[in-house]
Amino acid sequence: MLHIFAAILIPCAVAQETPARSECSAANFASPNYPDEAIRVRIQGVVTAFVLIGRDGKPEKAEYTGHSILTPGAKASTDATRLAQTCAGTTLKVIYRFVMEPIYLPDSGRRCPPVPPVRSVDFKEPNEFVVKYSYEPVDCNLN
């Protein structure tokens, strides 16, 4: 008795891989810096960016609203960003909040030069960078 077994191949539907939410989020943008000019003139505020991601994962187009002296900090972050190519066609809203924060040290007296300033960046889900410039407000030009 001869048995013949036939293999039946059923084509499997291959799901197109979709990017994970985290791949295409503002959390993956390059860390912004507080613009030097904004520090010099003591400007703080918010810049909002609407960024279209291109086929290569790089920002293809971006529009900014906010103070023109703060915008270069947001633009540099956007320009340096590289996301997954699967994010192509996604438009992201990214908020850059620039905050100047004086450091008051207890019993600091008047030190010249003052404590060196500190620049820091925190990310708040889902799409906000808080860019801080912390400094000791000491006027070394006083007698």
C-alpha atoms as a PDB file:
ATOM      1  CA  MET A   1       0.000   0.000   0.000  1.00  0.00           C
ATOM      2  CA  LEU A   2       1.411   3.256  -1.094  1.00  0.00           C
ATOM      3  CA  HIS A   3       0.644   6.422   0.899  1.00  0.00           C
ATOM      4  CA  ILE A   4       1.160   9.804  -0.629  1.00  0.00           C
ATOM      5  CA  PHE A   5       1.326  12.814   1.592  1.00  0.00           C
ATOM      6  CA  ALA A   6       0.903  16.175   0.024  1.00  0.00           C
ATOM      7  CA  ALA A   7       2.043  19.278   1.735  1.00  0.00           C
ATOM      8  CA  ILE A   8      -0.390  22.052   1.445  1.00  0.00           C
ATOM      9  CA  LEU A   9       1.220  25.429   1.662  1.00  0.00           C
ATOM     10  CA  ILE A  10      -1.036  28.129   2.889  1.00  0.00           C
ATOM     11  CA  PRO A  11       0.376  31.571   2.328  1.00  0.00           C
ATOM     12  CA  CYS A  12       0.592  33.484   5.553  1.00  0.00           C
ATOM     13  CA  ALA A  13      -0.388  37.083   5.556  1.00  0.00           C
ATOM     14  CA  VAL A  14       2.627  39.052   6.600  1.00  0.00           C
ATOM     15  CA  ALA A  15       1.591  42.050   8.594  1.00  0.00           C
ATOM     16  CA  GLN A  16       3.440  45.174   7.685  1.00  0.00           C
ATOM     17  CA  GLU A  17       5.462  46.237  10.655  1.00  0.00           C
ATOM     18  CA  THR A  18       4.147  49.437  12.138  1.00  0.00           C
ATOM     19  CA  PRO A  19       6.396  51.606  14.244  1.00  0.00           C
ATOM     20  CA  ALA A  20       6.017  51.423  17.973  1.00  0.00           C
ATOM     21  CA  ARG A  21       4.529  54.574  19.441  1.00  0.00           C
ATOM     22  CA  SER A  22       7.779  55.272  21.211  1.00  0.00           C
ATOM     23  CA  GLU A  23       9.778  55.183  17.942  1.00  0.00           C
ATOM     24  CA  CYS A  24       7.799  58.075  16.511  1.00  0.00           C
ATOM     25  CA  SER A  25       7.560  60.300  19.538  1.00  0.00           C
ATOM     26  CA  ALA A  26       9.097  63.563  20.626  1.00  0.00           C
ATOM     27  CA  ALA A  27      10.958  61.595  23.310  1.00  0.00           C
ATOM     28  CA  ASN A  28      13.389  60.523  20.558  1.00  0.00           C
ATOM     29  CA  PHE A  29      14.241  64.063  19.470  1.00  0.00           C
ATOM     30  CA  ALA A  30      17.747  65.386  20.055  1.00  0.00           C
ATOM     31  CA  SER A  31      18.165  67.169  23.366  1.00  0.00           C
ATOM     32  CA  PRO A  32      17.768  70.956  22.967  1.00  0.00           C
ATOM     33  CA  ASN A  33      20.080  73.656  24.327  1.00  0.00           C
ATOM     34  CA  TYR A  34      19.160  77.015  25.796  1.00  0.00           C
ATOM     35  CA  PRO A  35      20.274  79.579  23.181  1.00  0.00           C
ATOM     36  CA  ASP A  36      23.203  81.739  24.351  1.00  0.00           C
ATOM     37  CA  GLU A  37      21.546  84.929  23.107  1.00  0.00           C
ATOM     38  CA  ALA A  38      18.400  84.154  25.130  1.00  0.00           C
ATOM     39  CA  ILE A  39      20.542  83.655  28.244  1.00  0.00           C
ATOM     40  CA  ARG A  40      22.373  86.916  27.661  1.00  0.00           C
ATOM     41  CA  VAL A  41      19.144  88.938  27.437  1.00  0.00           C
ATOM     42  CA  ARG A  42      17.318  86.780  30.041  1.00  0.00           C
ATOM     43  CA  ILE A  43      14.504  85.552  27.777  1.00  0.00           C
ATOM     44  CA  GLN A  44      12.350  82.585  28.687  1.00  0.00           C
ATOM     45  CA  GLY A  45       9.243  81.196  27.052  1.00  0.00           C
ATOM     46  CA  VAL A  46       7.759  78.467  24.881  1.00  0.00           C
ATOM     47  CA  VAL A  47       8.464  77.427  21.299  1.00  0.00           C
ATOM     48  CA  THR A  48       6.115  74.946  19.649  1.00  0.00           C
ATOM     49  CA  ALA A  49       7.355  72.968  16.639  1.00  0.00           C
ATOM     50  CA  PHE A  50       5.249  71.024  14.154  1.00  0.00           C
ATOM     51  CA  VAL A  51       7.627  68.587  12.475  1.00  0.00           C
ATOM     52  CA  LEU A  52       6.929  66.402   9.428  1.00  0.00           C
ATOM     53  CA  ILE A  53       9.175  63.323   9.300  1.00  0.00           C
ATOM     54  CA  GLY A  54      10.538  62.430   5.863  1.00  0.00           C
ATOM     55  CA  ARG A  55      11.129  59.010   4.264  1.00  0.00           C
ATOM     56  CA  ASP A  56      14.653  58.820   5.662  1.00  0.00           C
ATOM     57  CA  GLY A  57      13.496  59.486   9.245  1.00  0.00           C
ATOM     58  CA  LYS A  58      14.867  63.030   9.186  1.00  0.00           C
ATOM     59  CA  PRO A  59      12.678  66.090   9.653  1.00  0.00           C
ATOM     60  CA  GLU A  60      11.463  67.129   6.208  1.00  0.00           C
ATOM     61  CA  LYS A  61       9.591  70.264   7.180  1.00  0.00           C
ATOM     62  CA  ALA A  62       9.149  72.155  10.433  1.00  0.00           C
ATOM     63  CA  GLU A  63       7.149  75.175  11.506  1.00  0.00           C
ATOM     64  CA  TYR A  64       7.858  77.052  14.735  1.00  0.00           C
ATOM     65  CA  THR A  65       5.813  79.417  16.863  1.00  0.00           C
ATOM     66  CA  GLY A  66       7.292  81.329  19.776  1.00  0.00           C
ATOM     67  CA  HIS A  67       9.968  83.895  20.572  1.00  0.00           C
ATOM     68  CA  SER A  68      12.484  84.337  17.754  1.00  0.00           C
ATOM     69  CA  ILE A  69      15.441  84.363  20.169  1.00  0.00           C
ATOM     70  CA  LEU A  70      14.391  80.959  21.589  1.00  0.00           C
ATOM     71  CA  THR A  71      13.568  79.345  18.234  1.00  0.00           C
ATOM     72  CA  PRO A  72      17.217  78.463  17.360  1.00  0.00           C
ATOM     73  CA  GLY A  73      17.332  76.117  20.387  1.00  0.00           C
ATOM     74  CA  ALA A  74      14.248  74.265  19.167  1.00  0.00           C
ATOM     75  CA  LYS A  75      15.429  74.280  15.535  1.00  0.00           C
ATOM     76  CA  ALA A  76      18.828  72.795  16.426  1.00  0.00           C
ATOM     77  CA  SER A  77      17.073  69.967  18.297  1.00  0.00           C
ATOM     78  CA  THR A  78      14.752  69.301  15.362  1.00  0.00           C
ATOM     79  CA  ASP A  79      17.552  69.412  12.776  1.00  0.00           C
ATOM     80  CA  ALA A  80      19.669  66.913  14.749  1.00  0.00           C
ATOM     81  CA  THR A  81      16.800  64.439  15.156  1.00  0.00           C
ATOM     82  CA  ARG A  82      16.776  61.080  13.378  1.00  0.00           C
ATOM     83  CA  LEU A  83      13.778  58.791  13.786  1.00  0.00           C
ATOM     84  CA  ALA A  84      12.994  55.378  12.318  1.00  0.00           C
ATOM     85  CA  GLN A  85      12.183  55.388   8.600  1.00  0.00           C
ATOM     86  CA  THR A  86       8.858  53.823   9.528  1.00  0.00           C
ATOM     87  CA  CYS A  87       7.900  57.217  11.007  1.00  0.00           C
ATOM     88  CA  ALA A  88       7.796  58.776   7.516  1.00  0.00           C
ATOM     89  CA  GLY A  89       4.771  60.970   6.980  1.00  0.00           C
ATOM     90  CA  THR A  90       4.192  61.467  10.705  1.00  0.00           C
ATOM     91  CA  THR A  91       3.743  65.030  11.927  1.00  0.00           C
ATOM     92  CA  LEU A  92       4.782  65.587  15.514  1.00  0.00           C
ATOM     93  CA  LYS A  93       4.034  68.500  17.794  1.00  0.00           C
ATOM     94  CA  VAL A  94       6.994  69.204  20.070  1.00  0.00           C
ATOM     95  CA  ILE A  95       6.919  71.784  22.863  1.00  0.00           C
ATOM     96  CA  TYR A  96      10.149  73.406  24.034  1.00  0.00           C
ATOM     97  CA  ARG A  97       9.741  75.274  27.331  1.00  0.00           C
ATOM     98  CA  PHE A  98      12.761  77.473  28.120  1.00  0.00           C
ATOM     99  CA  VAL A  99      13.014  78.384  31.818  1.00  0.00           C
ATOM    100  CA  MET A 100      15.554  80.563  33.624  1.00  0.00           C
ATOM    101  CA  GLU A 101      15.874  79.472  37.212  1.00  0.00           C
ATOM    102  CA  PRO A 102      17.870  81.444  39.787  1.00  0.00           C
ATOM    103  CA  ILE A 103      19.778  79.391  42.347  1.00  0.00           C
ATOM    104  CA  TYR A 104      19.621  80.893  45.820  1.00  0.00           C
ATOM    105  CA  LEU A 105      22.172  79.237  48.061  1.00  0.00           C
ATOM    106  CA  PRO A 106      21.689  79.568  51.812  1.00  0.00           C
ATOM    107  CA  ASP A 107      24.065  82.096  53.377  1.00  0.00           C
ATOM    108  CA  SER A 108      25.807  82.469  50.045  1.00  0.00           C
ATOM    109  CA  GLY A 109      26.791  86.057  50.669  1.00  0.00           C
ATOM    110  CA  ARG A 110      28.345  87.697  47.653  1.00  0.00           C
ATOM    111  CA  ARG A 111      30.793  85.457  45.809  1.00  0.00           C
ATOM    112  CA  CYS A 112      32.588  86.706  42.745  1.00  0.00           C
ATOM    113  CA  PRO A 113      32.610  84.858  40.509  1.00  0.00           C
ATOM    114  CA  PRO A 114      29.251  83.243  41.341  1.00  0.00           C
ATOM    115  CA  VAL A 115      28.508  79.519  41.200  1.00  0.00           C
ATOM    116  CA  PRO A 116      28.797  78.355  37.558  1.00  0.00           C
ATOM    117  CA  PRO A 117      25.448  78.126  35.780  1.00  0.00           C
ATOM    118  CA  VAL A 118      23.864  74.756  35.082  1.00  0.00           C
ATOM    119  CA  ARG A 119      22.009  73.812  31.913  1.00  0.00           C
ATOM    120  CA  SER A 120      19.616  70.882  32.088  1.00  0.00           C
ATOM    121  CA  VAL A 121      16.863  69.279  30.030  1.00  0.00           C
ATOM    122  CA  ASP A 122      13.903  67.246  31.255  1.00  0.00           C
ATOM    123  CA  PHE A 123      11.383  65.498  29.035  1.00  0.00           C
ATOM    124  CA  LYS A 124       7.727  65.383  30.037  1.00  0.00           C
ATOM    125  CA  GLU A 125       5.465  62.916  28.250  1.00  0.00           C
ATOM    126  CA  PRO A 126       4.048  63.051  25.739  1.00  0.00           C
ATOM    127  CA  ASN A 127       5.896  65.814  23.872  1.00  0.00           C
ATOM    128  CA  GLU A 128       7.485  68.531  26.028  1.00  0.00           C
ATOM    129  CA  PHE A 129      11.107  69.431  26.667  1.00  0.00           C
ATOM    130  CA  VAL A 130      11.785  71.656  29.674  1.00  0.00           C
ATOM    131  CA  VAL A 131      15.105  73.381  29.010  1.00  0.00           C
ATOM    132  CA  LYS A 132      16.494  75.021  32.159  1.00  0.00           C
ATOM    133  CA  TYR A 133      19.255  77.491  32.712  1.00  0.00           C
ATOM    134  CA  SER A 134      19.977  77.722  36.444  1.00  0.00           C
ATOM    135  CA  TYR A 135      22.267  80.474  37.691  1.00  0.00           C
ATOM    136  CA  GLU A 136      23.247  82.285  40.865  1.00  0.00           C
ATOM    137  CA  PRO A 137      22.026  85.891  40.549  1.00  0.00           C
ATOM    138  CA  VAL A 138      25.089  87.714  41.854  1.00  0.00           C
ATOM    139  CA  ASP A 139      26.127  91.086  40.487  1.00  0.00           C
ATOM    140  CA  CYS A 140      29.925  91.112  40.665  1.00  0.00           C
ATOM    141  CA  ASN A 141      30.031  94.717  39.478  1.00  0.00           C
ATOM    142  CA  LEU A 142      28.765  96.050  42.821  1.00  0.00           C
ATOM    143  CA  ASN A 143      31.279  97.630  45.187  1.00  0.00           C
END
